[in-house]
């Protein structure tokens, strides 16, 4: 059964980080936390930042990490459409949801010296943006003055990790819709909203605060396969280290599906990010 068709799993806790109905996160806490605080992965789901898609499908990914001894804070956020997302609210929620993880330590045993941020598909953009937001000016509408957790790494899972690259590589073929999705998030093109892209595009916020890992399937029909290598070159030129792993035969959802043939590789890279 395809990942999107499976029943939605229930997390250990659902916790609000704001007053809007879409401002909450699901916490997945390993049983081993009672003996030793586990590392924390902060996760952002995909769906092209649209209200039609939520964090439900990522429950299997989160449960698998929990079973491996990694706590997961899966952040929901306002998306384009009925939840009122887009510029700037999606970014504001991503920042607030990530920063809220620091307060989880007050109630739940977590090792906040080992924190990794990760995202699938469009969530990869938000994860990498979190890792670069220390470069935002206080005058930016998506700047939040809260202290950030120190990051061990940022992981892109079939991630649209850079908006400009996503637009450039969209072309006129099967990925052409990617361009429109980015324009929908940002309210237009880089020419129309240059300031928004300077503040909201991870590539404009290099070097990021931590090393990056990008995993990409070779038969992904949502994200151009060239994005990871292009990001790696861009990051390296700015003094920010990125490692790319191309997974032969993997599609867009295989990277967050514990039943997929490539899952052992995905799990290994997630665990290594905490080292």
Protein backbone atom coordinates (compact mmCIF):
# COMPACT_ATOMS: atom_id res chain seq x y z
CA UNK A 1 0.00 0.00 0.00
CA UNK A 2 1.32 3.44 -0.94
CA UNK A 3 2.40 5.58 1.98
CA UNK A 4 -0.33 8.18 1.33
CA UNK A 5 -3.04 5.49 1.49
CA UNK A 6 -2.09 4.06 4.87
CA UNK A 7 -3.93 4.94 8.09
CA UNK A 8 -2.57 7.96 9.93
CA UNK A 9 -0.63 6.99 13.03
CA UNK A 10 -1.10 8.61 16.42
CA UNK A 11 1.92 10.36 17.97
CA UNK A 12 2.81 10.22 21.63
CA UNK A 13 1.76 13.85 22.12
CA UNK A 14 0.24 16.62 20.02
CA UNK A 15 1.27 20.02 21.35
CA UNK A 16 0.29 23.53 20.26
CA UNK A 17 3.10 26.04 19.76
CA UNK A 18 0.73 28.88 18.82
CA UNK A 19 -2.92 29.90 18.85
CA UNK A 20 -3.76 29.05 15.23
CA UNK A 21 -5.23 25.56 14.64
CA UNK A 22 -2.35 24.77 12.27
CA UNK A 23 0.30 25.74 14.81
CA UNK A 24 1.07 22.44 16.49
CA UNK A 25 3.56 19.63 16.43
CA UNK A 26 3.56 15.90 17.00
CA UNK A 27 6.12 14.54 19.44
CA UNK A 28 7.39 10.99 19.04
CA UNK A 29 9.34 9.95 22.12
CA UNK A 30 11.35 6.70 22.37
CA UNK A 31 10.69 4.39 25.30
CA UNK A 32 14.40 4.60 26.06
CA UNK A 33 13.92 8.26 27.01
CA UNK A 34 13.03 7.11 30.51
CA UNK A 35 16.62 5.91 30.91
CA UNK A 36 18.56 8.42 28.80
CA UNK A 37 17.42 11.60 26.99
CA UNK A 38 17.36 10.87 23.25
CA UNK A 39 18.59 13.13 20.43
CA UNK A 40 15.92 15.19 18.66
CA UNK A 41 15.07 15.43 14.99
CA UNK A 42 12.84 18.38 14.07
CA UNK A 43 10.89 17.44 10.94
CA UNK A 44 8.98 19.44 8.30
CA UNK A 45 6.61 17.60 5.97
CA UNK A 46 6.09 18.31 2.29
CA UNK A 47 3.15 18.92 0.00
CA UNK A 48 4.35 22.06 -1.82
CA UNK A 49 3.35 24.19 1.18
CA UNK A 50 -0.35 23.54 0.38
CA UNK A 51 -3.20 23.21 2.88
CA UNK A 52 -4.36 20.06 1.10
CA UNK A 53 -1.39 18.19 2.57
CA UNK A 54 -0.50 17.80 6.23
CA UNK A 55 1.96 15.96 8.45
CA UNK A 56 -0.11 12.78 8.67
CA UNK A 57 1.78 10.79 6.04
CA UNK A 58 5.08 11.34 7.88
CA UNK A 59 3.96 9.35 10.91
CA UNK A 60 5.59 6.16 9.63
CA UNK A 61 8.90 7.98 9.21
CA UNK A 62 8.59 9.43 12.72
CA UNK A 63 7.65 6.10 14.29
CA UNK A 64 10.61 4.35 12.69
CA UNK A 65 13.01 6.95 14.07
CA UNK A 66 11.37 6.69 17.49
CA UNK A 67 11.90 2.93 17.42
CA UNK A 68 15.58 3.60 16.65
CA UNK A 69 15.93 5.78 19.75
CA UNK A 70 15.52 9.20 18.11
CA UNK A 71 12.84 11.61 19.32
CA UNK A 72 10.98 13.47 16.58
CA UNK A 73 9.20 16.83 16.77
CA UNK A 74 7.11 16.91 13.57
CA UNK A 75 6.01 20.49 12.95
CA UNK A 76 2.73 21.45 11.33
CA UNK A 77 2.47 24.96 9.89
CA UNK A 78 0.11 27.20 7.98
CA UNK A 79 0.11 26.25 4.31
CA UNK A 80 -1.18 27.90 1.17
CA UNK A 81 -4.97 27.75 1.01
CA UNK A 82 -7.44 27.39 3.84
CA UNK A 83 -4.81 27.31 6.59
CA UNK A 84 -3.63 30.81 5.64
CA UNK A 85 -0.03 30.07 4.74
CA UNK A 86 2.36 31.39 2.14
CA UNK A 87 4.53 34.44 2.60
CA UNK A 88 5.23 35.29 5.40
CA UNK A 89 3.16 33.02 7.67
CA UNK A 90 4.61 29.68 6.56
CA UNK A 91 8.09 30.93 7.41
CA UNK A 92 6.98 32.45 10.70
CA UNK A 93 5.40 29.14 11.72
CA UNK A 94 8.46 27.13 10.72
CA UNK A 95 10.62 29.36 12.91
CA UNK A 96 8.17 29.33 15.82
CA UNK A 97 7.65 25.58 15.59
CA UNK A 98 11.37 24.90 15.52
CA UNK A 99 12.12 27.27 18.40
CA UNK A 100 9.33 25.71 20.48
CA UNK A 101 11.36 22.50 20.57
CA UNK A 102 13.61 24.14 23.15
CA UNK A 103 10.72 24.35 25.59
CA UNK A 104 9.84 20.67 25.17
CA UNK A 105 12.85 19.91 27.33
CA UNK A 106 10.95 21.37 30.29
CA UNK A 107 8.47 18.49 30.18
CA UNK A 108 10.05 15.71 28.17
CA UNK A 109 13.53 14.16 28.45
CA UNK A 110 15.44 15.31 25.34
CA UNK A 111 19.11 15.79 24.60
CA UNK A 112 19.08 19.27 23.10
CA UNK A 113 22.82 19.16 22.51
CA UNK A 114 22.03 16.74 19.66
CA UNK A 115 19.45 18.34 17.37
CA UNK A 116 19.05 17.78 13.64
CA UNK A 117 16.52 19.46 11.34
CA UNK A 118 15.10 17.53 8.39
CA UNK A 119 12.45 17.95 5.75
CA UNK A 120 10.80 15.98 2.97
CA UNK A 121 10.02 17.57 -0.39
CA UNK A 122 8.91 21.17 0.21
CA UNK A 123 9.70 20.56 3.87
CA UNK A 124 13.33 20.27 2.82
CA UNK A 125 13.21 23.95 1.93
CA UNK A 126 11.91 24.83 5.39
CA UNK A 127 14.53 22.64 7.09
CA UNK A 128 17.40 24.26 5.19
CA UNK A 129 15.89 27.71 5.73
CA UNK A 130 15.88 27.03 9.47
CA UNK A 131 19.58 26.18 9.22
CA UNK A 132 20.27 29.52 7.51
CA UNK A 133 17.94 31.92 9.29
CA UNK A 134 20.69 33.19 11.57
CA UNK A 135 21.62 35.47 8.65
CA UNK A 136 18.25 37.25 8.62
CA UNK A 137 18.19 40.93 9.46
CA UNK A 138 15.98 41.93 12.43
CA UNK A 139 13.96 44.09 10.05
CA UNK A 140 12.78 41.06 8.05
CA UNK A 141 9.12 40.11 8.41
CA UNK A 142 10.16 36.49 8.97
CA UNK A 143 12.78 37.23 11.62
CA UNK A 144 12.09 35.96 15.14
CA UNK A 145 14.33 37.07 18.03
CA UNK A 146 14.08 33.78 19.88
CA UNK A 147 17.28 31.83 20.53
CA UNK A 148 17.76 28.89 18.21
CA UNK A 149 18.82 25.41 19.19
CA UNK A 150 22.34 24.53 18.04
CA UNK A 151 22.16 22.20 15.05
CA UNK A 152 24.23 19.10 14.36
CA UNK A 153 22.96 18.84 10.79
CA UNK A 154 20.26 19.50 8.20
CA UNK A 155 18.80 16.68 6.09
CA UNK A 156 16.96 17.07 2.81
CA UNK A 157 14.85 14.04 1.87
CA UNK A 158 13.92 14.52 -1.79
CA UNK A 159 13.99 18.15 -0.76
CA UNK A 160 13.24 21.31 -2.72
CA UNK A 161 16.05 22.77 -0.66
CA UNK A 162 16.58 25.89 -2.78
CA UNK A 163 13.80 27.94 -4.34
CA UNK A 164 15.89 29.51 -7.09
CA UNK A 165 17.28 26.12 -8.17
CA UNK A 166 13.79 24.63 -8.12
CA UNK A 167 12.59 27.38 -10.45
CA UNK A 168 15.61 27.12 -12.72
CA UNK A 169 15.48 23.34 -13.06
CA UNK A 170 11.70 23.11 -13.45
CA UNK A 171 11.92 23.46 -17.24
CA UNK A 172 8.90 22.79 -19.42
CA UNK A 173 8.63 19.04 -18.81
CA UNK A 174 7.32 16.97 -15.91
CA UNK A 175 8.72 19.34 -13.28
CA UNK A 176 7.19 22.50 -14.75
CA UNK A 177 4.62 22.71 -11.96
CA UNK A 178 7.43 23.13 -9.43
CA UNK A 179 7.94 26.70 -10.62
CA UNK A 180 4.29 27.59 -10.01
CA UNK A 181 4.39 26.04 -6.54
CA UNK A 182 7.37 28.20 -5.56
CA UNK A 183 5.68 31.29 -6.99
CA UNK A 184 2.58 30.40 -4.97
CA UNK A 185 4.57 30.24 -1.74
CA UNK A 186 6.45 33.48 -2.36
CA UNK A 187 3.66 35.43 -4.04
CA UNK A 188 5.52 35.67 -7.34
CA UNK A 189 8.88 35.35 -9.03
CA UNK A 190 12.31 36.43 -7.77
CA UNK A 191 12.11 39.44 -10.06
CA UNK A 192 8.79 40.52 -8.55
CA UNK A 193 9.79 39.86 -4.93
CA UNK A 194 13.57 40.05 -4.71
CA UNK A 195 13.53 40.87 -0.99
CA UNK A 196 11.38 37.87 -0.15
CA UNK A 197 13.74 35.51 -1.94
CA UNK A 198 16.79 37.06 -0.27
CA UNK A 199 15.20 36.27 3.09
CA UNK A 200 13.28 33.08 2.31
CA UNK A 201 15.60 31.15 0.05
CA UNK A 202 18.20 28.94 1.77
CA UNK A 203 20.74 29.54 -0.98
CA UNK A 204 20.67 33.23 -0.15
CA UNK A 205 21.43 32.44 3.50
CA UNK A 206 24.64 30.48 3.04
CA UNK A 207 26.72 29.39 4.78
CA UNK A 208 24.25 27.38 6.82
CA UNK A 209 24.77 26.77 10.53
CA UNK A 210 25.57 23.07 10.11
CA UNK A 211 26.59 20.39 7.59
CA UNK A 212 23.92 19.29 5.15
CA UNK A 213 22.97 15.84 3.86
CA UNK A 214 20.80 15.46 0.76
CA UNK A 215 19.20 12.16 -0.20
CA UNK A 216 17.54 11.91 -3.61
CA UNK A 217 15.90 9.07 -5.51
CA UNK A 218 16.83 8.63 -9.14
CA UNK A 219 13.22 8.10 -10.27
CA UNK A 220 11.67 10.95 -8.28
CA UNK A 221 8.88 12.54 -10.32
CA UNK A 222 8.49 15.59 -8.04
CA UNK A 223 11.99 16.97 -7.47
CA UNK A 224 14.60 17.34 -10.25
CA UNK A 225 17.47 14.95 -9.61
CA UNK A 226 19.99 17.72 -10.33
CA UNK A 227 19.01 19.80 -7.29
CA UNK A 228 21.23 18.00 -4.73
CA UNK A 229 24.45 18.28 -6.74
CA UNK A 230 23.70 21.88 -7.67
CA UNK A 231 23.09 22.67 -4.02
CA UNK A 232 26.29 20.91 -3.00
CA UNK A 233 28.33 23.01 -5.43
CA UNK A 234 26.65 26.20 -4.27
CA UNK A 235 27.13 25.36 -0.59
CA UNK A 236 30.76 24.36 -1.02
CA UNK A 237 31.52 27.63 -2.81
CA UNK A 238 30.23 29.47 0.27
CA UNK A 239 32.13 27.39 2.82
CA UNK A 240 29.16 25.24 3.79
CA UNK A 241 29.66 21.47 3.56
CA UNK A 242 27.00 19.33 1.87
CA UNK A 243 27.01 15.59 1.12
CA UNK A 244 24.79 14.04 -1.55
CA UNK A 245 23.50 10.47 -1.68
CA UNK A 246 21.67 9.41 -4.83
CA UNK A 247 19.47 6.36 -4.23
CA UNK A 248 19.02 4.24 -7.38
CA UNK A 249 15.44 3.30 -8.16
CA UNK A 250 13.95 5.31 -5.31
CA UNK A 251 10.91 7.50 -5.89
CA UNK A 252 9.70 10.61 -4.09
CA UNK A 253 8.10 8.87 -1.12
CA UNK A 254 10.57 6.03 -0.70
CA UNK A 255 12.79 8.34 1.32
CA UNK A 256 10.20 8.65 4.11
CA UNK A 257 8.74 5.14 3.87
CA UNK A 258 10.18 2.56 6.29
CA UNK A 259 8.86 -0.19 4.00
CA UNK A 260 10.88 0.98 0.98
CA UNK A 261 14.04 -0.85 -0.18
CA UNK A 262 16.18 2.25 0.45
CA UNK A 263 14.98 2.82 4.01
CA UNK A 264 18.07 1.27 5.67
CA UNK A 265 20.21 3.86 3.86
CA UNK A 266 17.92 6.70 4.93
CA UNK A 267 17.95 5.56 8.53
CA UNK A 268 21.73 5.25 8.53
CA UNK A 269 22.16 8.81 7.27
CA UNK A 270 19.72 10.13 9.86
CA UNK A 271 21.62 8.40 12.65
CA UNK A 272 24.98 9.58 11.34
CA UNK A 273 23.79 13.19 11.37
CA UNK A 274 23.78 13.12 15.17
CA UNK A 275 27.38 11.96 15.47
